[in-house]
Amino acid sequence: RVSQPYPSTSSGGDDGRRRIDEDAADDNEDDGGGRNMLITWLLDDEKERLSPTEGLAFRILDDMLLGSSSSVLYKALMDSGLGEEVIDDGVDRSMLQMTFQVGMKGIADEKGLLQTEEVIMQTLLTLAEEGFDKDDMQSSLNSFEFSLREFSGGIERNGIDILTTIFDQWNYDVHPIEALTFGIALKELKGIIQNSGSGIFQNLIRAY
């Protein structure tokens, strides 16, 4: 496996928040081999922590980008025909620093790796400039709000799932209650969206 810093792009120089990982599948595999590529963005660090509202916004952004086969980044990658499967890991909150990951499996060659990277970056740059469809944004927000309310109030919620959510944050000195509450951040985010549309998501893409 090869890891390297993410190269500079037309949107600006490398700020140390991104990296690209590539690996070559075994040529003897039944599927004929192929390459896998994953881009990882570091979304916060110990010196610059995301606010609860920003963290929530990233999770909704994740859904708009990769939440389903019709989500804009997922669809762009599949439509490109450059690989066999999208790596849609998206936002990961289980570590000290939140990350966002996306890539593809089964890419044919080095040229395909570069083209896959270009599809990802160009899609993000376009979204940063043009924003998101209003209906798509509202659908993701509604779906996410429902899942959060189900998490906090569902009588069938598995206790182990709740403990896992708590420990993911408690390990890094986040209060257990804070890890389970979302009302204030959700209200603030909905107000921002009402006033500026997809502006908060566009700003997150530009910043990170």
Protein backbone atom coordinates (compact mmCIF):
# COMPACT_ATOMS: atom_id res chain seq x y z
CA ARG A 1 0.00 0.00 0.00
CA VAL A 2 1.31 3.43 -0.95
CA SER A 3 0.39 6.58 0.95
CA GLN A 4 1.35 10.04 -0.21
CA PRO A 5 0.32 13.64 0.52
CA TYR A 6 -2.48 14.92 -1.64
CA PRO A 7 -0.96 17.03 -4.46
CA SER A 8 -1.75 20.69 -4.98
CA THR A 9 -4.85 21.37 -7.08
CA SER A 10 -6.22 24.29 -9.03
CA SER A 11 -8.29 25.25 -5.98
CA GLY A 12 -5.17 25.97 -3.93
CA GLY A 13 -2.06 24.50 -2.42
CA ASP A 14 -1.83 21.43 -0.26
CA ASP A 15 -2.70 22.42 3.30
CA GLY A 16 -1.85 19.07 4.86
CA ARG A 17 -5.52 18.09 5.33
CA ARG A 18 -5.72 15.68 2.40
CA ARG A 19 -3.97 12.54 1.30
CA ILE A 20 -4.39 9.92 -1.36
CA ASP A 21 -3.92 6.17 -0.82
CA GLU A 22 -3.54 3.69 -3.65
CA ASP A 23 -3.08 -0.06 -3.73
CA ALA A 24 -2.80 -2.60 -6.52
CA ALA A 25 -5.06 -5.64 -6.35
CA ASP A 26 -3.45 -9.05 -6.75
CA ASP A 27 -3.08 -9.83 -10.47
CA ASN A 28 -4.07 -13.41 -9.72
CA GLU A 29 -7.46 -12.50 -8.30
CA ASP A 30 -10.47 -13.86 -10.13
CA ASP A 31 -11.59 -10.36 -11.04
CA GLY A 32 -8.42 -9.78 -13.03
CA GLY A 33 -6.89 -7.33 -10.58
CA GLY A 34 -7.28 -3.59 -10.63
CA ARG A 35 -6.39 -0.71 -8.39
CA ASN A 36 -8.10 0.92 -5.46
CA MET A 37 -7.86 4.63 -4.67
CA LEU A 38 -9.03 6.48 -1.57
CA ILE A 39 -8.86 10.20 -0.81
CA THR A 40 -9.04 11.21 2.85
CA TRP A 41 -9.72 14.69 4.18
CA LEU A 42 -8.93 15.63 7.79
CA LEU A 43 -11.85 17.80 8.86
CA ASP A 44 -10.62 19.02 12.23
CA ASP A 45 -7.71 18.71 14.64
CA GLU A 46 -6.88 19.35 18.29
CA LYS A 47 -6.18 23.04 17.64
CA GLU A 48 -9.16 23.71 15.40
CA ARG A 49 -12.17 21.68 16.48
CA LEU A 50 -15.43 21.72 14.56
CA SER A 51 -18.41 23.26 16.29
CA PRO A 52 -21.42 20.96 16.91
CA THR A 53 -23.27 22.75 14.11
CA GLU A 54 -20.38 22.29 11.67
CA GLY A 55 -20.08 18.63 12.63
CA LEU A 56 -23.79 18.12 11.98
CA ALA A 57 -23.54 19.98 8.67
CA PHE A 58 -20.73 17.67 7.56
CA ARG A 59 -22.89 14.64 8.27
CA ILE A 60 -25.71 16.04 6.13
CA LEU A 61 -23.19 16.99 3.43
CA ASP A 62 -21.97 13.38 3.52
CA ASP A 63 -25.50 12.18 2.80
CA MET A 64 -25.93 14.60 -0.10
CA LEU A 65 -22.62 13.48 -1.60
CA LEU A 66 -22.64 9.72 -0.99
CA GLY A 67 -25.83 8.69 0.79
CA SER A 68 -27.41 6.83 -2.12
CA SER A 69 -26.74 5.77 -5.71
CA SER A 70 -28.36 9.02 -6.88
CA SER A 71 -26.26 11.26 -4.60
CA VAL A 72 -24.21 13.66 -6.66
CA LEU A 73 -20.64 12.46 -5.97
CA TYR A 74 -21.57 8.78 -5.90
CA LYS A 75 -23.40 9.12 -9.22
CA ALA A 76 -20.54 11.08 -10.81
CA LEU A 77 -18.09 8.33 -9.95
CA MET A 78 -20.31 5.49 -11.16
CA ASP A 79 -21.21 7.35 -14.36
CA SER A 80 -17.51 7.85 -15.08
CA GLY A 81 -17.07 4.10 -15.62
CA LEU A 82 -13.54 4.35 -14.22
CA GLY A 83 -13.96 1.70 -11.52
CA GLU A 84 -16.15 -1.15 -10.40
CA GLU A 85 -17.34 0.14 -7.04
CA VAL A 86 -17.49 3.43 -5.14
CA ILE A 87 -15.76 3.56 -1.76
CA ASP A 88 -18.35 5.64 0.07
CA ASP A 89 -16.92 5.67 3.62
CA GLY A 90 -17.82 9.35 3.94
CA VAL A 91 -17.67 11.00 7.37
CA ASP A 92 -16.03 9.07 10.22
CA ARG A 93 -16.57 10.46 13.73
CA SER A 94 -15.07 7.53 15.65
CA MET A 95 -11.55 8.97 15.91
CA LEU A 96 -10.15 12.10 17.56
CA GLN A 97 -10.19 13.90 14.22
CA MET A 98 -13.25 13.66 12.00
CA THR A 99 -12.43 12.54 8.46
CA PHE A 100 -14.16 12.24 5.10
CA GLN A 101 -13.19 9.47 2.69
CA VAL A 102 -14.19 8.64 -0.88
CA GLY A 103 -12.66 6.65 -3.70
CA MET A 104 -13.13 3.71 -6.05
CA LYS A 105 -12.25 0.04 -6.32
CA GLY A 106 -11.29 -1.82 -9.48
CA ILE A 107 -9.62 1.03 -11.38
CA ALA A 108 -7.83 -0.26 -14.46
CA ASP A 109 -4.53 1.64 -14.51
CA GLU A 110 -2.52 4.69 -13.49
CA LYS A 111 -4.39 6.89 -15.93
CA GLY A 112 -7.67 5.74 -14.39
CA LEU A 113 -6.41 6.70 -10.93
CA LEU A 114 -5.68 10.24 -12.08
CA GLN A 115 -9.03 10.48 -13.86
CA THR A 116 -10.89 9.24 -10.78
CA GLU A 117 -9.16 11.87 -8.68
CA GLU A 118 -10.13 14.49 -11.24
CA VAL A 119 -13.81 13.41 -11.19
CA ILE A 120 -13.90 13.72 -7.39
CA MET A 121 -12.18 17.09 -7.25
CA GLN A 122 -14.09 18.58 -10.17
CA THR A 123 -17.44 17.46 -8.75
CA LEU A 124 -16.60 19.08 -5.41
CA LEU A 125 -15.37 22.28 -7.07
CA THR A 126 -18.60 22.50 -9.10
CA LEU A 127 -20.72 22.01 -5.98
CA ALA A 128 -18.70 24.65 -4.13
CA GLU A 129 -19.49 27.12 -6.88
CA GLU A 130 -23.06 26.16 -7.84
CA GLY A 131 -24.44 24.70 -4.61
CA PHE A 132 -26.92 21.88 -4.08
CA ASP A 133 -30.41 21.30 -5.36
CA LYS A 134 -32.91 22.65 -2.84
CA ASP A 135 -35.07 19.50 -2.86
CA ASP A 136 -32.05 17.22 -2.42
CA MET A 137 -30.83 19.33 0.47
CA GLN A 138 -34.22 19.31 2.20
CA SER A 139 -34.59 15.56 1.68
CA SER A 140 -31.21 14.88 3.32
CA LEU A 141 -32.01 17.25 6.18
CA ASN A 142 -35.41 15.65 6.81
CA SER A 143 -34.00 12.13 6.65
CA PHE A 144 -31.16 12.99 8.99
CA GLU A 145 -33.43 14.75 11.46
CA PHE A 146 -35.71 11.71 11.54
CA SER A 147 -32.79 9.37 12.19
CA LEU A 148 -31.51 11.58 15.00
CA ARG A 149 -34.90 11.76 16.68
CA GLU A 150 -35.33 8.01 16.30
CA PHE A 151 -31.91 7.54 17.88
CA SER A 152 -32.72 9.69 20.91
CA GLY A 153 -36.28 8.53 21.43
CA GLY A 154 -36.80 5.18 19.77
CA ILE A 155 -37.92 2.55 22.29
CA GLU A 156 -36.34 -0.21 20.22
CA ARG A 157 -32.91 1.43 20.12
CA ASN A 158 -30.16 -1.06 20.91
CA GLY A 159 -28.32 -0.09 24.10
CA ILE A 160 -25.02 -1.25 22.63
CA ASP A 161 -25.44 1.20 19.72
CA ILE A 162 -26.00 4.04 22.18
CA LEU A 163 -22.96 3.08 24.24
CA THR A 164 -20.84 2.91 21.08
CA THR A 165 -21.91 6.42 20.13
CA ILE A 166 -21.07 7.68 23.62
CA PHE A 167 -17.67 6.00 23.79
CA ASP A 168 -16.68 7.21 20.31
CA GLN A 169 -16.81 10.74 21.70
CA TRP A 170 -16.12 10.14 25.41
CA ASN A 171 -12.73 8.63 24.52
CA TYR A 172 -11.74 12.14 23.40
CA ASP A 173 -13.10 14.06 26.40
CA VAL A 174 -16.52 14.88 24.92
CA HIS A 175 -19.17 14.72 27.65
CA PRO A 176 -21.45 11.64 27.24
CA ILE A 177 -24.60 13.78 27.24
CA GLU A 178 -23.17 16.07 24.55
CA ALA A 179 -22.54 13.02 22.35
CA LEU A 180 -26.27 12.21 22.39
CA THR A 181 -27.82 15.67 22.13
CA PHE A 182 -28.36 17.52 18.89
CA GLY A 183 -31.33 19.87 19.34
CA ILE A 184 -29.43 23.17 19.58
CA ALA A 185 -27.08 22.37 16.70
CA LEU A 186 -29.95 21.16 14.50
CA LYS A 187 -32.01 24.29 15.19
CA GLU A 188 -29.03 26.51 14.37
CA LEU A 189 -28.27 24.61 11.18
CA LYS A 190 -31.87 24.79 9.96
CA GLY A 191 -31.82 28.55 10.56
CA ILE A 192 -28.60 28.92 8.55
CA ILE A 193 -30.05 26.89 5.68
CA GLN A 194 -33.24 28.95 5.71
CA ASN A 195 -31.24 32.17 5.45
CA SER A 196 -28.47 31.15 3.04
CA GLY A 197 -29.58 27.96 1.30
CA SER A 198 -26.70 25.59 0.62
CA GLY A 199 -24.12 28.25 1.45
CA ILE A 200 -22.89 26.49 4.61
CA PHE A 201 -22.20 23.29 2.66
CA GLN A 202 -20.45 25.18 -0.13
CA ASN A 203 -18.26 26.93 2.45
CA LEU A 204 -17.36 23.61 4.09
CA ILE A 205 -16.25 22.19 0.72
CA ARG A 206 -14.15 25.28 0.01
CA ALA A 207 -12.58 25.29 3.47
CA TYR A 208 -11.72 21.61 3.78
